[in-house]
Amino acid sequence: MRLIIGAMAAALVTVLAVPAYSQQTGAIPKASMQAPPDKDKKNEKTPEQKKAEDKAYKDAIGRIPDQKFDPWRTVR
């Protein structure tokens, strides 16, 4: 009986560990690890764009109400 329980326990551990093997990959191709050459050009912004983004951010932050959050508000 101990042999059967031991075999079942070993099988259970093996079955639970098998899906982890499917997530391991082999060697990653070097081409996929390199950044595209256009990436640097996309991140460059003009000063006008930076000012517009900053203004939009400050406007959005200003619209957030200054209220203290009360998670028990509806329970009381």
N, C-alpha and C. Protein backbone atom coordinates (compact mmCIF):
# COMPACT_ATOMS: atom_id res chain seq x y z
N MET A 1 0.82 -1.19 0.00
CA MET A 1 0.00 0.00 0.00
C MET A 1 0.88 1.27 0.00
N ARG A 2 1.98 1.22 0.76
CA ARG A 2 2.88 2.35 0.80
C ARG A 2 3.50 2.61 -0.57
N LEU A 3 3.75 1.53 -1.28
CA LEU A 3 4.33 1.66 -2.62
C LEU A 3 3.36 2.37 -3.56
N ILE A 4 2.10 2.04 -3.47
CA ILE A 4 1.10 2.68 -4.35
C ILE A 4 0.96 4.16 -3.99
N ILE A 5 0.91 4.48 -2.70
CA ILE A 5 0.79 5.87 -2.29
C ILE A 5 2.04 6.66 -2.70
N GLY A 6 3.20 6.06 -2.56
CA GLY A 6 4.43 6.72 -2.99
C GLY A 6 4.47 6.96 -4.48
N ALA A 7 4.00 5.99 -5.25
CA ALA A 7 3.96 6.15 -6.71
C ALA A 7 2.97 7.23 -7.11
N MET A 8 1.83 7.28 -6.43
CA MET A 8 0.83 8.30 -6.74
C MET A 8 1.36 9.69 -6.38
N ALA A 9 2.08 9.81 -5.27
CA ALA A 9 2.65 11.09 -4.88
C ALA A 9 3.71 11.54 -5.89
N ALA A 10 4.54 10.62 -6.34
CA ALA A 10 5.55 10.95 -7.34
C ALA A 10 4.91 11.37 -8.65
N ALA A 11 3.84 10.67 -9.03
CA ALA A 11 3.14 11.02 -10.27
C ALA A 11 2.50 12.40 -10.16
N LEU A 12 1.94 12.72 -8.99
CA LEU A 12 1.32 14.03 -8.79
C LEU A 12 2.34 15.14 -8.88
N VAL A 13 3.49 14.95 -8.26
CA VAL A 13 4.55 15.96 -8.33
C VAL A 13 5.03 16.13 -9.76
N THR A 14 5.16 15.05 -10.48
CA THR A 14 5.60 15.10 -11.88
C THR A 14 4.58 15.82 -12.75
N VAL A 15 3.31 15.53 -12.55
CA VAL A 15 2.26 16.15 -13.36
C VAL A 15 2.21 17.65 -13.09
N LEU A 16 2.42 18.06 -11.86
CA LEU A 16 2.39 19.49 -11.55
C LEU A 16 3.62 20.22 -12.08
N ALA A 17 4.74 19.53 -12.22
CA ALA A 17 5.97 20.17 -12.67
C ALA A 17 6.08 20.22 -14.19
N VAL A 18 5.36 19.40 -14.90
CA VAL A 18 5.47 19.33 -16.36
C VAL A 18 5.09 20.63 -17.05
N PRO A 19 4.02 21.34 -16.67
CA PRO A 19 3.70 22.59 -17.37
C PRO A 19 4.80 23.64 -17.26
N ALA A 20 5.60 23.61 -16.23
CA ALA A 20 6.68 24.58 -16.09
C ALA A 20 7.72 24.38 -17.18
N TYR A 21 7.92 23.18 -17.62
CA TYR A 21 8.89 22.93 -18.68
C TYR A 21 8.46 23.56 -20.00
N SER A 22 7.18 23.69 -20.23
CA SER A 22 6.72 24.22 -21.50
C SER A 22 7.02 25.71 -21.63
N GLN A 23 7.28 26.40 -20.54
CA GLN A 23 7.55 27.82 -20.59
C GLN A 23 9.02 28.12 -20.78
N GLN A 24 9.86 27.13 -20.67
CA GLN A 24 11.28 27.36 -20.88
C GLN A 24 11.56 27.27 -22.37
N THR A 25 12.30 28.26 -22.85
CA THR A 25 12.63 28.25 -24.27
C THR A 25 14.10 27.97 -24.44
N GLY A 26 14.45 27.64 -25.63
CA GLY A 26 15.85 27.39 -25.95
C GLY A 26 16.58 28.70 -26.11
N ALA A 27 17.56 28.71 -26.97
CA ALA A 27 18.35 29.92 -27.19
C ALA A 27 17.48 30.98 -27.86
N ILE A 28 17.62 32.21 -27.40
CA ILE A 28 16.87 33.32 -27.98
C ILE A 28 17.70 33.88 -29.13
N PRO A 29 17.11 34.03 -30.30
CA PRO A 29 17.87 34.58 -31.42
C PRO A 29 18.34 35.99 -31.11
N LYS A 30 19.55 36.31 -31.51
CA LYS A 30 20.11 37.62 -31.23
C LYS A 30 19.36 38.73 -31.96
N ALA A 31 18.78 38.43 -33.09
CA ALA A 31 18.08 39.44 -33.86
C ALA A 31 16.87 39.97 -33.09
N SER A 32 16.22 39.13 -32.30
CA SER A 32 15.04 39.58 -31.58
C SER A 32 15.42 40.42 -30.36
N MET A 33 16.67 40.34 -29.91
CA MET A 33 17.09 41.09 -28.73
C MET A 33 17.58 42.49 -29.09
N GLN A 34 17.83 42.76 -30.33
CA GLN A 34 18.32 44.06 -30.74
C GLN A 34 17.17 45.04 -30.88
N ALA A 35 17.40 46.28 -30.49
CA ALA A 35 16.39 47.31 -30.61
C ALA A 35 16.27 47.73 -32.07
N PRO A 36 15.06 48.04 -32.51
CA PRO A 36 14.92 48.52 -33.88
C PRO A 36 15.62 49.86 -34.06
N PRO A 37 16.17 50.12 -35.23
CA PRO A 37 16.94 51.35 -35.44
C PRO A 37 16.09 52.61 -35.34
N ASP A 38 14.77 52.53 -35.55
CA ASP A 38 13.91 53.70 -35.51
C ASP A 38 13.48 54.06 -34.09
N LYS A 39 13.85 53.27 -33.12
CA LYS A 39 13.38 53.51 -31.76
C LYS A 39 13.89 54.84 -31.21
N ASP A 40 15.13 55.19 -31.50
CA ASP A 40 15.68 56.45 -31.01
C ASP A 40 14.97 57.65 -31.63
N LYS A 41 14.58 57.53 -32.86
CA LYS A 41 13.92 58.63 -33.55
C LYS A 41 12.51 58.86 -33.02
N LYS A 42 11.84 57.80 -32.58
CA LYS A 42 10.48 57.93 -32.08
C LYS A 42 10.43 58.66 -30.75
N ASN A 43 11.46 58.51 -29.93
CA ASN A 43 11.46 59.11 -28.60
C ASN A 43 11.86 60.57 -28.58
N GLU A 44 12.39 61.07 -29.67
CA GLU A 44 12.79 62.47 -29.73
C GLU A 44 11.56 63.34 -29.88
N LYS A 45 11.43 64.32 -28.97
CA LYS A 45 10.29 65.23 -29.02
C LYS A 45 10.78 66.66 -29.04
N THR A 46 10.04 67.48 -29.72
CA THR A 46 10.39 68.89 -29.79
C THR A 46 10.00 69.56 -28.47
N PRO A 47 10.59 70.70 -28.17
CA PRO A 47 10.22 71.41 -26.93
C PRO A 47 8.73 71.77 -26.87
N GLU A 48 8.13 72.04 -28.03
CA GLU A 48 6.70 72.36 -28.05
C GLU A 48 5.87 71.14 -27.64
N GLN A 49 6.27 69.96 -28.11
CA GLN A 49 5.55 68.75 -27.74
C GLN A 49 5.70 68.47 -26.25
N LYS A 50 6.89 68.68 -25.72
CA LYS A 50 7.12 68.47 -24.29
C LYS A 50 6.28 69.43 -23.46
N LYS A 51 6.20 70.70 -23.88
CA LYS A 51 5.39 71.68 -23.16
C LYS A 51 3.91 71.32 -23.22
N ALA A 52 3.45 70.86 -24.39
CA ALA A 52 2.05 70.49 -24.53
C ALA A 52 1.72 69.28 -23.65
N GLU A 53 2.61 68.30 -23.59
CA GLU A 53 2.38 67.14 -22.73
C GLU A 53 2.39 67.53 -21.26
N ASP A 54 3.30 68.43 -20.88
CA ASP A 54 3.38 68.87 -19.49
C ASP A 54 2.11 69.63 -19.10
N LYS A 55 1.63 70.48 -20.01
CA LYS A 55 0.41 71.23 -19.74
C LYS A 55 -0.78 70.29 -19.61
N ALA A 56 -0.88 69.31 -20.49
CA ALA A 56 -1.98 68.35 -20.43
C ALA A 56 -1.92 67.55 -19.13
N TYR A 57 -0.72 67.19 -18.70
CA TYR A 57 -0.56 66.45 -17.45
C TYR A 57 -1.02 67.29 -16.26
N LYS A 58 -0.58 68.53 -16.22
CA LYS A 58 -0.95 69.41 -15.11
C LYS A 58 -2.45 69.67 -15.10
N ASP A 59 -3.06 69.83 -16.28
CA ASP A 59 -4.51 70.02 -16.34
C ASP A 59 -5.26 68.79 -15.83
N ALA A 60 -4.77 67.62 -16.20
CA ALA A 60 -5.42 66.38 -15.75
C ALA A 60 -5.28 66.21 -14.24
N ILE A 61 -4.12 66.54 -13.70
CA ILE A 61 -3.92 66.44 -12.25
C ILE A 61 -4.81 67.44 -11.53
N GLY A 62 -5.01 68.61 -12.12
CA GLY A 62 -5.85 69.63 -11.52
C GLY A 62 -7.32 69.25 -11.47
N ARG A 63 -7.76 68.37 -12.36
CA ARG A 63 -9.16 67.95 -12.38
C ARG A 63 -9.48 66.87 -11.36
N ILE A 64 -8.45 66.30 -10.75
CA ILE A 64 -8.68 65.27 -9.74
C ILE A 64 -9.19 65.95 -8.47
N PRO A 65 -10.33 65.51 -7.94
CA PRO A 65 -10.86 66.16 -6.73
C PRO A 65 -9.97 65.89 -5.52
N ASP A 66 -9.89 66.89 -4.65
CA ASP A 66 -9.07 66.76 -3.44
C ASP A 66 -9.93 66.23 -2.30
N GLN A 67 -10.40 65.01 -2.43
CA GLN A 67 -11.22 64.39 -1.40
C GLN A 67 -10.47 63.23 -0.79
N LYS A 68 -10.67 63.07 0.50
CA LYS A 68 -10.07 61.93 1.18
C LYS A 68 -10.90 60.70 0.84
N PHE A 69 -10.24 59.60 0.48
CA PHE A 69 -10.93 58.39 0.10
C PHE A 69 -11.41 57.66 1.35
N ASP A 70 -12.67 57.29 1.36
CA ASP A 70 -13.26 56.58 2.49
C ASP A 70 -13.87 55.27 1.99
N PRO A 71 -13.18 54.15 2.16
CA PRO A 71 -13.71 52.88 1.65
C PRO A 71 -14.94 52.39 2.42
N TRP A 72 -15.19 52.90 3.62
CA TRP A 72 -16.33 52.46 4.43
C TRP A 72 -17.54 53.39 4.27
N ARG A 73 -17.50 54.28 3.32
CA ARG A 73 -18.54 55.27 3.13
C ARG A 73 -19.93 54.65 2.99
N THR A 74 -20.06 53.58 2.21
CA THR A 74 -21.39 53.01 1.97
C THR A 74 -21.81 52.03 3.06
N VAL A 75 -20.90 51.65 3.95
CA VAL A 75 -21.23 50.68 4.99
C VAL A 75 -21.86 51.37 6.19
N ARG A 76 -21.47 52.59 6.44
CA ARG A 76 -21.96 53.30 7.64
C ARG A 76 -23.39 53.67 7.54
